[in-house]
């Protein structure tokens, strides 16, 4: 969705810059989420005994 929003805007506008930043942020989150999920699964398997 951010891609189509960015295409609709002038590449030099502040709004286009914000859309690009949002796109990059969510790409980062998508790349990081699997590691986060794996840490959660490890925590659940350990019975959350560490208290953290």
N, C-alpha and C. Protein backbone atom coordinates (compact mmCIF):
# COMPACT_ATOMS: atom_id res chain seq x y z
N UNK A 1 0.82 -1.18 0.00
CA UNK A 1 0.00 0.00 0.00
C UNK A 1 0.87 1.25 0.00
N UNK A 2 1.97 1.24 0.76
CA UNK A 2 2.85 2.40 0.78
C UNK A 2 3.45 2.64 -0.59
N UNK A 3 3.70 1.57 -1.32
CA UNK A 3 4.26 1.72 -2.67
C UNK A 3 3.31 2.53 -3.56
N UNK A 4 2.03 2.19 -3.53
CA UNK A 4 1.08 2.92 -4.39
C UNK A 4 0.90 4.36 -3.90
N UNK A 5 0.95 4.58 -2.60
CA UNK A 5 0.87 5.93 -2.08
C UNK A 5 2.06 6.76 -2.49
N UNK A 6 3.23 6.15 -2.46
CA UNK A 6 4.43 6.88 -2.85
C UNK A 6 4.41 7.20 -4.34
N UNK A 7 3.92 6.30 -5.15
CA UNK A 7 3.85 6.54 -6.59
C UNK A 7 2.89 7.68 -6.92
N UNK A 8 1.88 7.89 -6.09
CA UNK A 8 0.89 8.93 -6.35
C UNK A 8 1.41 10.33 -5.99
N UNK A 9 2.52 10.38 -5.28
CA UNK A 9 3.06 11.66 -4.82
C UNK A 9 4.28 12.07 -5.61
N UNK A 10 4.56 13.35 -5.61
CA UNK A 10 5.81 13.88 -6.18
C UNK A 10 6.97 13.32 -5.36
N UNK A 11 7.97 12.77 -6.05
CA UNK A 11 9.10 12.13 -5.36
C UNK A 11 9.85 13.08 -4.43
N UNK A 12 9.76 14.36 -4.64
CA UNK A 12 10.50 15.34 -3.85
C UNK A 12 9.67 15.93 -2.70
N UNK A 13 8.44 15.50 -2.54
CA UNK A 13 7.59 16.12 -1.52
C UNK A 13 7.86 15.52 -0.14
N UNK A 14 7.60 16.29 0.91
CA UNK A 14 7.74 15.76 2.27
C UNK A 14 6.82 14.56 2.51
N UNK A 15 5.65 14.58 1.91
CA UNK A 15 4.73 13.44 2.08
C UNK A 15 5.33 12.18 1.48
N UNK A 16 5.99 12.27 0.34
CA UNK A 16 6.63 11.10 -0.28
C UNK A 16 7.73 10.58 0.63
N UNK A 17 8.47 11.48 1.28
CA UNK A 17 9.52 11.07 2.21
C UNK A 17 8.93 10.32 3.40
N UNK A 18 7.80 10.80 3.91
CA UNK A 18 7.15 10.13 5.04
C UNK A 18 6.64 8.76 4.65
N UNK A 19 6.05 8.66 3.46
CA UNK A 19 5.56 7.36 2.97
C UNK A 19 6.72 6.38 2.83
N UNK A 20 7.85 6.85 2.30
CA UNK A 20 9.03 5.99 2.14
C UNK A 20 9.54 5.53 3.50
N UNK A 21 9.52 6.42 4.48
CA UNK A 21 9.95 6.05 5.83
C UNK A 21 9.02 5.00 6.44
N UNK A 22 7.73 5.18 6.26
CA UNK A 22 6.76 4.20 6.76
C UNK A 22 6.98 2.85 6.09
N UNK A 23 7.18 2.86 4.77
CA UNK A 23 7.44 1.61 4.03
C UNK A 23 8.68 0.92 4.59
N UNK A 24 9.75 1.68 4.79
CA UNK A 24 10.99 1.10 5.30
C UNK A 24 10.82 0.57 6.71
N UNK A 25 10.08 1.29 7.55
CA UNK A 25 9.83 0.85 8.92
C UNK A 25 9.10 -0.49 8.94
N UNK A 26 8.04 -0.61 8.15
CA UNK A 26 7.29 -1.85 8.16
C UNK A 26 8.06 -3.00 7.51
N UNK A 27 8.93 -2.70 6.56
CA UNK A 27 9.81 -3.73 6.01
C UNK A 27 10.76 -4.23 7.09
N UNK A 28 11.27 -3.32 7.90
CA UNK A 28 12.14 -3.69 9.01
C UNK A 28 11.39 -4.57 10.02
N UNK A 29 10.19 -4.14 10.39
CA UNK A 29 9.39 -4.91 11.35
C UNK A 29 9.11 -6.32 10.81
N UNK A 30 8.75 -6.42 9.54
CA UNK A 30 8.47 -7.72 8.94
C UNK A 30 9.70 -8.62 8.99
N UNK A 31 10.88 -8.05 8.76
CA UNK A 31 12.10 -8.84 8.80
C UNK A 31 12.44 -9.28 10.22
N UNK A 32 12.10 -8.49 11.20
CA UNK A 32 12.45 -8.78 12.59
C UNK A 32 11.43 -9.69 13.30
N UNK A 33 10.23 -9.76 12.81
CA UNK A 33 9.15 -10.43 13.54
C UNK A 33 9.40 -11.93 13.73
N UNK A 34 10.03 -12.58 12.74
CA UNK A 34 10.27 -14.02 12.89
C UNK A 34 11.20 -14.31 14.06
N UNK A 35 12.24 -13.51 14.21
CA UNK A 35 13.14 -13.70 15.35
C UNK A 35 12.43 -13.45 16.67
N UNK A 36 11.57 -12.46 16.70
CA UNK A 36 10.79 -12.18 17.89
C UNK A 36 9.86 -13.35 18.22
N UNK A 37 9.21 -13.89 17.20
CA UNK A 37 8.33 -15.03 17.41
C UNK A 37 9.11 -16.24 17.92
N UNK A 38 10.30 -16.47 17.39
CA UNK A 38 11.12 -17.60 17.84
C UNK A 38 11.52 -17.43 19.30
N UNK A 39 11.90 -16.23 19.69
CA UNK A 39 12.23 -15.99 21.10
C UNK A 39 11.01 -16.23 21.99
N UNK A 40 9.84 -15.85 21.52
CA UNK A 40 8.61 -16.09 22.28
C UNK A 40 8.38 -17.60 22.44
N UNK A 41 8.52 -18.34 21.33
CA UNK A 41 8.32 -19.79 21.41
C UNK A 41 9.31 -20.44 22.37
N UNK A 42 10.55 -19.99 22.38
CA UNK A 42 11.54 -20.52 23.32
C UNK A 42 11.14 -20.21 24.76
N UNK A 43 10.66 -19.03 24.96
CA UNK A 43 10.22 -18.63 26.31
C UNK A 43 9.05 -19.50 26.77
N UNK A 44 8.11 -19.73 25.87
CA UNK A 44 6.96 -20.56 26.22
C UNK A 44 7.37 -22.00 26.50
N UNK A 45 8.31 -22.53 25.70
CA UNK A 45 8.79 -23.90 25.92
C UNK A 45 9.51 -24.03 27.25
N UNK A 46 10.18 -22.96 27.69
CA UNK A 46 10.92 -23.02 28.94
C UNK A 46 10.00 -22.83 30.14
N UNK A 47 8.73 -22.63 29.89
CA UNK A 47 7.78 -22.46 31.00
C UNK A 47 7.87 -21.10 31.66
N UNK A 48 8.46 -20.18 30.96
CA UNK A 48 8.59 -18.81 31.46
C UNK A 48 9.20 -18.78 32.87
N UNK A 49 10.09 -19.75 33.14
CA UNK A 49 10.65 -19.89 34.48
C UNK A 49 11.60 -18.75 34.85
N UNK A 50 12.07 -17.99 33.87
CA UNK A 50 13.03 -16.92 34.18
C UNK A 50 12.36 -15.70 34.80
N UNK A 51 11.05 -15.57 34.67
CA UNK A 51 10.34 -14.45 35.24
C UNK A 51 10.47 -13.17 34.45
N UNK A 52 10.98 -13.24 33.22
CA UNK A 52 11.14 -12.03 32.41
C UNK A 52 10.11 -11.98 31.32
